[in-house]
N, C-alpha and C. Protein backbone atom coordinates (compact mmCIF):
# COMPACT_ATOMS: atom_id res chain seq x y z
N UNK A 1 -20.95 64.40 -4.38
CA UNK A 1 -20.15 63.36 -5.79
C UNK A 1 -20.14 62.23 -5.07
N UNK A 2 -20.68 61.54 -6.09
CA UNK A 2 -20.35 59.97 -6.04
C UNK A 2 -19.51 59.65 -7.16
N UNK A 3 -17.95 58.75 -6.59
CA UNK A 3 -17.02 58.08 -7.36
C UNK A 3 -17.68 56.62 -8.01
N UNK A 4 -17.65 56.35 -9.26
CA UNK A 4 -17.65 55.11 -9.71
C UNK A 4 -16.46 54.50 -9.85
N UNK A 5 -16.68 53.13 -9.15
CA UNK A 5 -15.48 51.86 -9.04
C UNK A 5 -15.44 51.07 -10.19
N UNK A 6 -14.90 51.42 -11.71
CA UNK A 6 -14.78 50.01 -12.23
C UNK A 6 -13.83 48.86 -12.08
N UNK A 7 -15.06 47.85 -11.83
CA UNK A 7 -14.24 46.53 -11.68
C UNK A 7 -13.79 45.97 -13.29
N UNK A 8 -12.76 45.31 -13.64
CA UNK A 8 -12.79 44.48 -14.79
C UNK A 8 -12.29 43.10 -14.24
N UNK A 9 -13.02 42.42 -14.85
CA UNK A 9 -12.94 41.15 -14.50
C UNK A 9 -12.20 40.34 -15.10
N UNK A 10 -11.35 39.82 -15.23
CA UNK A 10 -10.60 39.09 -15.97
C UNK A 10 -10.82 37.66 -16.55
N UNK A 11 -10.78 37.15 -17.98
CA UNK A 11 -10.89 35.87 -18.31
C UNK A 11 -10.04 35.24 -17.69
N UNK A 12 -10.16 33.66 -17.16
CA UNK A 12 -9.21 32.86 -16.09
C UNK A 12 -9.14 31.64 -17.86
N UNK A 13 -8.11 31.71 -18.33
CA UNK A 13 -8.28 30.83 -18.89
C UNK A 13 -7.63 29.51 -18.27
N UNK A 14 -8.32 28.37 -18.54
CA UNK A 14 -8.64 26.91 -18.06
C UNK A 14 -7.24 25.80 -18.79
N UNK A 15 -6.76 25.39 -18.06
CA UNK A 15 -5.48 24.79 -18.75
C UNK A 15 -6.18 23.06 -18.54
N UNK A 16 -6.43 22.11 -19.37
CA UNK A 16 -7.16 20.33 -19.25
C UNK A 16 -6.19 19.77 -18.69
N UNK A 17 -6.22 19.92 -17.77
CA UNK A 17 -5.22 18.32 -16.64
C UNK A 17 -5.63 16.98 -17.28
N UNK A 18 -5.62 16.63 -17.91
CA UNK A 18 -4.95 15.01 -17.50
C UNK A 18 -4.99 13.84 -16.59
N UNK A 19 -5.58 13.10 -15.85
CA UNK A 19 -5.33 12.21 -14.92
C UNK A 19 -5.37 11.43 -15.01
N UNK A 20 -4.62 10.20 -14.83
CA UNK A 20 -4.64 8.71 -14.67
C UNK A 20 -4.94 8.24 -13.10
N UNK A 21 -5.97 6.92 -12.97
CA UNK A 21 -6.43 6.62 -11.82
C UNK A 21 -5.15 5.16 -11.85
N UNK A 22 -4.90 5.10 -10.52
CA UNK A 22 -4.40 3.97 -10.29
C UNK A 22 -4.80 2.46 -10.98
N UNK A 23 -3.98 1.74 -11.12
CA UNK A 23 -4.99 0.35 -11.66
C UNK A 23 -4.76 -0.19 -10.86
N UNK A 24 -5.99 -0.95 -10.97
CA UNK A 24 -6.76 -1.74 -10.37
C UNK A 24 -6.30 -3.44 -10.10
N UNK A 25 -6.88 -2.98 -9.00
CA UNK A 25 -6.45 -5.18 -8.79
C UNK A 25 -5.44 -5.07 -8.69
N UNK A 26 -4.70 -6.08 -8.55
CA UNK A 26 -2.79 -6.83 -8.18
C UNK A 26 -2.56 -6.48 -9.25
N UNK A 27 -2.39 -5.28 -9.94
CA UNK A 27 -1.05 -5.24 -11.34
C UNK A 27 -0.43 -3.84 -11.25
N UNK A 28 0.41 -3.73 -12.22
CA UNK A 28 1.22 -2.87 -12.36
C UNK A 28 1.17 -2.46 -14.02
N UNK A 29 1.63 -1.06 -14.46
CA UNK A 29 1.69 -1.00 -16.08
C UNK A 29 1.96 -1.79 -16.83
N UNK A 30 3.55 -2.39 -16.07
CA UNK A 30 4.34 -2.81 -17.02
C UNK A 30 4.85 -4.28 -17.26
N UNK A 31 4.84 -4.48 -15.55
CA UNK A 31 5.34 -5.75 -15.30
C UNK A 31 3.87 -7.11 -14.78
N UNK A 32 2.88 -6.49 -14.89
CA UNK A 32 1.79 -7.88 -14.31
C UNK A 32 1.46 -7.76 -12.79
N UNK A 33 1.54 -8.79 -12.66
CA UNK A 33 0.41 -9.10 -11.32
C UNK A 33 2.42 -8.85 -10.07
N UNK A 34 1.97 -8.42 -9.01
CA UNK A 34 2.62 -8.13 -7.73
C UNK A 34 2.13 -8.66 -6.73
N UNK A 35 3.33 -8.68 -5.33
CA UNK A 35 2.71 -8.96 -4.33
C UNK A 35 3.91 -8.59 -3.17
N UNK A 36 3.47 -8.18 -2.24
CA UNK A 36 4.43 -7.61 -1.14
C UNK A 36 4.76 -8.85 -0.52
N UNK A 37 5.93 -8.83 0.38
CA UNK A 37 6.55 -9.96 1.52
C UNK A 37 7.25 -9.83 2.49
N UNK A 38 7.09 -9.98 3.27
CA UNK A 38 8.80 -10.00 4.28
C UNK A 38 9.74 -10.61 3.74
N UNK A 39 11.08 -8.88 3.91
CA UNK A 39 11.95 -9.14 3.17
C UNK A 39 12.88 -10.16 4.27
N UNK A 40 13.50 -11.11 3.35
CA UNK A 40 14.59 -12.15 3.91
C UNK A 40 15.43 -11.79 4.67
N UNK A 41 15.88 -11.81 5.90
CA UNK A 41 17.40 -11.30 6.60
C UNK A 41 16.94 -10.21 7.49
N UNK A 42 15.90 -9.46 7.32
CA UNK A 42 15.88 -8.62 8.38
C UNK A 42 15.45 -8.69 9.69
N UNK A 43 16.02 -8.18 10.99
CA UNK A 43 15.40 -8.68 11.78
C UNK A 43 14.23 -8.80 12.80
N UNK A 44 14.07 -10.11 13.63
CA UNK A 44 12.71 -10.37 14.10
C UNK A 44 12.56 -9.29 14.71
N UNK A 45 13.18 -8.55 15.42
CA UNK A 45 11.80 -7.37 16.15
C UNK A 45 11.56 -6.30 15.22
N UNK A 46 12.57 -5.76 14.10
CA UNK A 46 11.86 -4.97 13.14
C UNK A 46 10.89 -5.35 12.42
N UNK A 47 11.00 -6.50 11.75
CA UNK A 47 10.12 -7.71 11.42
C UNK A 47 8.40 -7.35 12.18
N UNK A 48 8.94 -7.69 13.74
CA UNK A 48 7.46 -7.52 14.75
C UNK A 48 6.94 -6.47 14.69
N UNK A 49 8.13 -5.15 14.78
CA UNK A 49 7.48 -3.39 14.72
C UNK A 49 6.93 -3.40 13.27
N UNK A 50 7.53 -3.63 12.38
CA UNK A 50 6.66 -3.32 11.21
C UNK A 50 5.01 -3.73 10.98
N UNK A 51 4.79 -5.21 11.47
CA UNK A 51 3.73 -5.46 11.27
C UNK A 51 2.50 -5.44 12.28
N UNK A 52 3.29 -5.16 13.85
CA UNK A 52 2.30 -4.28 14.72
C UNK A 52 2.04 -3.07 13.97
N UNK A 53 2.70 -2.09 13.09
CA UNK A 53 2.26 -0.53 12.58
C UNK A 53 1.09 -1.27 11.58
N UNK A 54 1.47 -2.38 10.63
CA UNK A 54 0.69 -2.82 9.48
C UNK A 54 -1.26 -2.94 10.03
N UNK A 55 -1.03 -4.19 11.25
CA UNK A 55 -1.96 -4.40 12.06
C UNK A 55 -3.08 -3.43 12.67
N UNK A 56 -1.93 -1.98 12.96
CA UNK A 56 -2.81 -1.23 13.75
C UNK A 56 -2.75 0.06 13.18
N UNK A 57 -2.00 0.95 13.39
CA UNK A 57 -1.86 2.33 12.43
C UNK A 57 -2.21 2.03 11.55
N UNK A 58 -1.57 0.82 10.64
CA UNK A 58 -1.79 0.87 8.81
C UNK A 58 -2.99 0.33 8.87
N UNK A 59 -4.06 -0.01 9.62
CA UNK A 59 -5.29 -0.61 9.32
C UNK A 59 -5.88 -1.76 8.98
N UNK A 60 -4.29 -2.35 8.85
CA UNK A 60 -4.76 -3.41 7.64
C UNK A 60 -5.53 -4.44 8.49
N UNK A 61 -6.50 -5.27 8.10
CA UNK A 61 -7.36 -6.29 8.99
C UNK A 61 -6.80 -7.41 8.81
N UNK A 62 -6.09 -7.92 9.87
CA UNK A 62 -5.48 -8.81 10.08
C UNK A 62 -5.57 -10.01 10.81
N UNK A 63 -7.36 -10.09 10.65
CA UNK A 63 -8.22 -11.36 11.60
C UNK A 63 -7.84 -12.60 10.96
N UNK A 64 -7.55 -12.78 9.75
CA UNK A 64 -7.03 -13.73 9.05
C UNK A 64 -5.59 -14.44 9.90
N UNK A 65 -5.03 -14.03 10.38
CA UNK A 65 -4.21 -14.62 10.80
C UNK A 65 -4.13 -14.39 11.96
N UNK A 66 -4.90 -14.37 12.49
CA UNK A 66 -5.07 -14.61 14.49
C UNK A 66 -4.90 -16.29 14.63
N UNK A 67 -4.99 -16.62 15.81
CA UNK A 67 -5.73 -18.06 16.14
C UNK A 67 -6.85 -18.65 15.54
N UNK A 68 -6.78 -19.20 14.54
CA UNK A 68 -8.39 -19.75 13.86
C UNK A 68 -8.87 -19.39 12.89
N UNK A 69 -7.89 -18.16 12.85
CA UNK A 69 -8.20 -17.37 11.24
C UNK A 69 -7.81 -18.07 9.77
N UNK A 70 -8.17 -18.15 8.90
CA UNK A 70 -8.00 -19.31 7.61
C UNK A 70 -6.24 -18.62 7.50
N UNK A 71 -5.78 -17.96 7.65
CA UNK A 71 -4.58 -17.84 7.16
C UNK A 71 -3.06 -17.75 8.50
N UNK A 72 -3.68 -18.54 9.42
CA UNK A 72 -3.00 -18.63 10.94
C UNK A 72 -2.00 -19.49 10.14
N UNK A 73 -2.00 -20.34 9.75
CA UNK A 73 -0.70 -21.20 9.43
C UNK A 73 0.00 -20.72 7.83
N UNK A 74 1.04 -20.61 8.13
CA UNK A 74 2.15 -21.46 9.08
C UNK A 74 2.25 -20.51 10.27
N UNK A 75 1.94 -20.93 11.20
CA UNK A 75 2.34 -19.54 12.22
C UNK A 75 3.93 -19.63 12.42
N UNK A 76 4.12 -18.63 11.34
CA UNK A 76 5.39 -17.30 11.77
C UNK A 76 5.40 -16.16 11.82
N UNK A 77 6.45 -15.64 11.50
CA UNK A 77 6.35 -14.11 12.04
C UNK A 77 6.67 -13.63 10.49
N UNK A 78 7.00 -14.57 9.42
CA UNK A 78 7.78 -14.11 7.66
C UNK A 78 6.21 -14.00 7.68
N UNK A 79 5.48 -15.35 7.40
CA UNK A 79 3.84 -15.62 6.99
C UNK A 79 3.49 -14.41 7.53
N UNK A 80 3.16 -14.28 8.85
CA UNK A 80 2.32 -13.26 8.78
C UNK A 80 2.69 -11.89 8.62
N UNK A 81 3.59 -11.28 8.53
CA UNK A 81 4.01 -10.31 8.21
C UNK A 81 3.85 -10.31 6.72
N UNK A 82 4.72 -10.88 5.82
CA UNK A 82 4.10 -11.03 4.61
C UNK A 82 2.38 -10.69 3.79
N UNK A 83 1.78 -11.61 4.96
CA UNK A 83 0.08 -11.59 4.68
C UNK A 83 -0.42 -10.25 5.16
N UNK A 84 0.45 -9.52 6.26
CA UNK A 84 -0.36 -7.90 6.32
C UNK A 84 0.02 -7.19 5.67
N UNK A 85 1.43 -7.51 5.29
CA UNK A 85 2.40 -6.63 4.22
C UNK A 85 1.63 -6.32 2.93
N UNK A 86 1.63 -7.33 2.29
CA UNK A 86 0.69 -7.66 1.18
C UNK A 86 -1.10 -7.37 0.69
N UNK A 87 -1.67 -7.29 2.00
CA UNK A 87 -2.71 -6.93 2.05
C UNK A 87 -2.75 -5.09 2.78
N UNK A 88 -2.03 -4.72 3.06
CA UNK A 88 -1.70 -3.08 2.88
C UNK A 88 -1.29 -2.52 1.32
N UNK A 89 -0.57 -2.92 0.83
CA UNK A 89 0.02 -2.76 -0.51
C UNK A 89 -0.84 -3.14 -1.15
N UNK A 90 -2.50 -4.28 -1.06
CA UNK A 90 -3.31 -4.19 -2.40
C UNK A 90 -3.97 -2.98 -2.55
N UNK A 91 -4.52 -2.75 -0.73
CA UNK A 91 -5.45 -2.00 -0.43
C UNK A 91 -5.00 -0.57 -0.65
N UNK A 92 -3.51 0.13 -1.15
CA UNK A 92 -3.02 0.93 -1.08
C UNK A 92 -1.95 1.35 -2.65
N UNK A 93 -2.43 0.65 -3.54
CA UNK A 93 -2.72 0.86 -5.05
C UNK A 93 -1.31 0.26 -5.39
N UNK A 94 -0.82 -0.49 -4.54
CA UNK A 94 0.12 -1.28 -5.44
C UNK A 94 1.90 -0.51 -5.65
N UNK A 95 1.85 0.26 -4.69
CA UNK A 95 2.83 1.31 -5.31
C UNK A 95 3.89 1.20 -4.73
N UNK A 96 5.44 0.76 -5.02
CA UNK A 96 6.48 0.85 -4.05
C UNK A 96 6.72 1.66 -2.60
N UNK A 97 6.15 2.71 -1.89
CA UNK A 97 5.82 3.10 -1.23
C UNK A 97 5.17 2.45 -0.23
N UNK A 98 4.05 1.59 -0.63
CA UNK A 98 2.96 0.99 -0.09
C UNK A 98 3.92 -0.76 0.67
N UNK A 99 5.07 -0.20 -0.09
CA UNK A 99 5.34 -2.12 0.44
C UNK A 99 7.43 -1.69 0.57
N UNK A 100 7.06 -0.92 1.81
CA UNK A 100 8.07 -0.44 2.55
C UNK A 100 8.30 -1.73 4.04
N UNK A 101 7.35 -0.65 4.97
CA UNK A 101 7.60 -0.81 6.16
C UNK A 101 9.22 -0.69 6.52
N UNK A 102 9.32 0.23 6.79
CA UNK A 102 10.82 0.38 7.58
C UNK A 102 12.10 -0.31 6.61
N UNK A 103 11.60 -0.87 5.48
CA UNK A 103 13.17 -1.86 4.64
C UNK A 103 12.90 -3.05 4.76
N UNK A 104 11.68 -3.50 5.51
CA UNK A 104 11.88 -4.89 6.28
C UNK A 104 10.36 -5.47 5.00
N UNK A 105 10.30 -4.67 3.85
CA UNK A 105 9.78 -5.33 2.80
C UNK A 105 10.08 -5.33 1.43
N UNK A 106 9.13 -6.40 0.85
CA UNK A 106 9.86 -6.30 -0.83
C UNK A 106 8.51 -6.48 -1.74
N UNK A 107 8.87 -6.34 -3.27
CA UNK A 107 7.87 -6.50 -4.11
C UNK A 107 8.30 -7.69 -4.64
N UNK A 108 7.31 -8.40 -5.14
CA UNK A 108 7.61 -9.50 -5.67
C UNK A 108 6.73 -10.10 -6.85
N UNK A 109 6.95 -10.45 -7.81
CA UNK A 109 6.40 -11.01 -9.02
C UNK A 109 5.97 -12.56 -8.81
N UNK A 110 6.76 -13.27 -7.77
CA UNK A 110 6.37 -14.71 -7.11
C UNK A 110 5.17 -14.96 -6.65
N UNK A 111 4.27 -15.23 -6.79
CA UNK A 111 3.03 -15.20 -5.84
C UNK A 111 3.45 -16.22 -4.56
N UNK A 112 3.39 -15.65 -3.25
CA UNK A 112 4.16 -16.54 -2.25
C UNK A 112 3.33 -17.22 -1.41
N UNK A 113 1.36 -17.91 -2.78
CA UNK A 113 0.53 -18.67 -2.05
C UNK A 113 1.20 -19.93 -2.61
N UNK A 114 2.28 -20.45 -4.16
CA UNK A 114 2.42 -20.37 -4.28
C UNK A 114 3.84 -21.67 -4.43
N UNK A 115 4.58 -20.64 -3.50
CA UNK A 115 5.65 -21.08 -2.74
C UNK A 115 5.93 -22.69 -1.78
């Protein structure tokens, strides 16, 4: 004697979800252009550690701040860190979390190149 198993398929209701892409380039939704720079007053050790992370595990291309590179001058830790932080920030969606570096960086509306 064969038993018939009846499987009822339930129709799933799809709920449309609207997603937004992050802005492209160096912009925010409200305030315009922003950059990520080294924060004034942090310890040199913390700044160096953050720079090492950005150029290492953070996978930022830091060749421009190496000796002979186009952004090597001025040869200061703050300048090199700001370059690396901003490069990482721009590549990672200009979000506040992409400009933290252990509390050694800050977002600014002032173009650091024009300072």
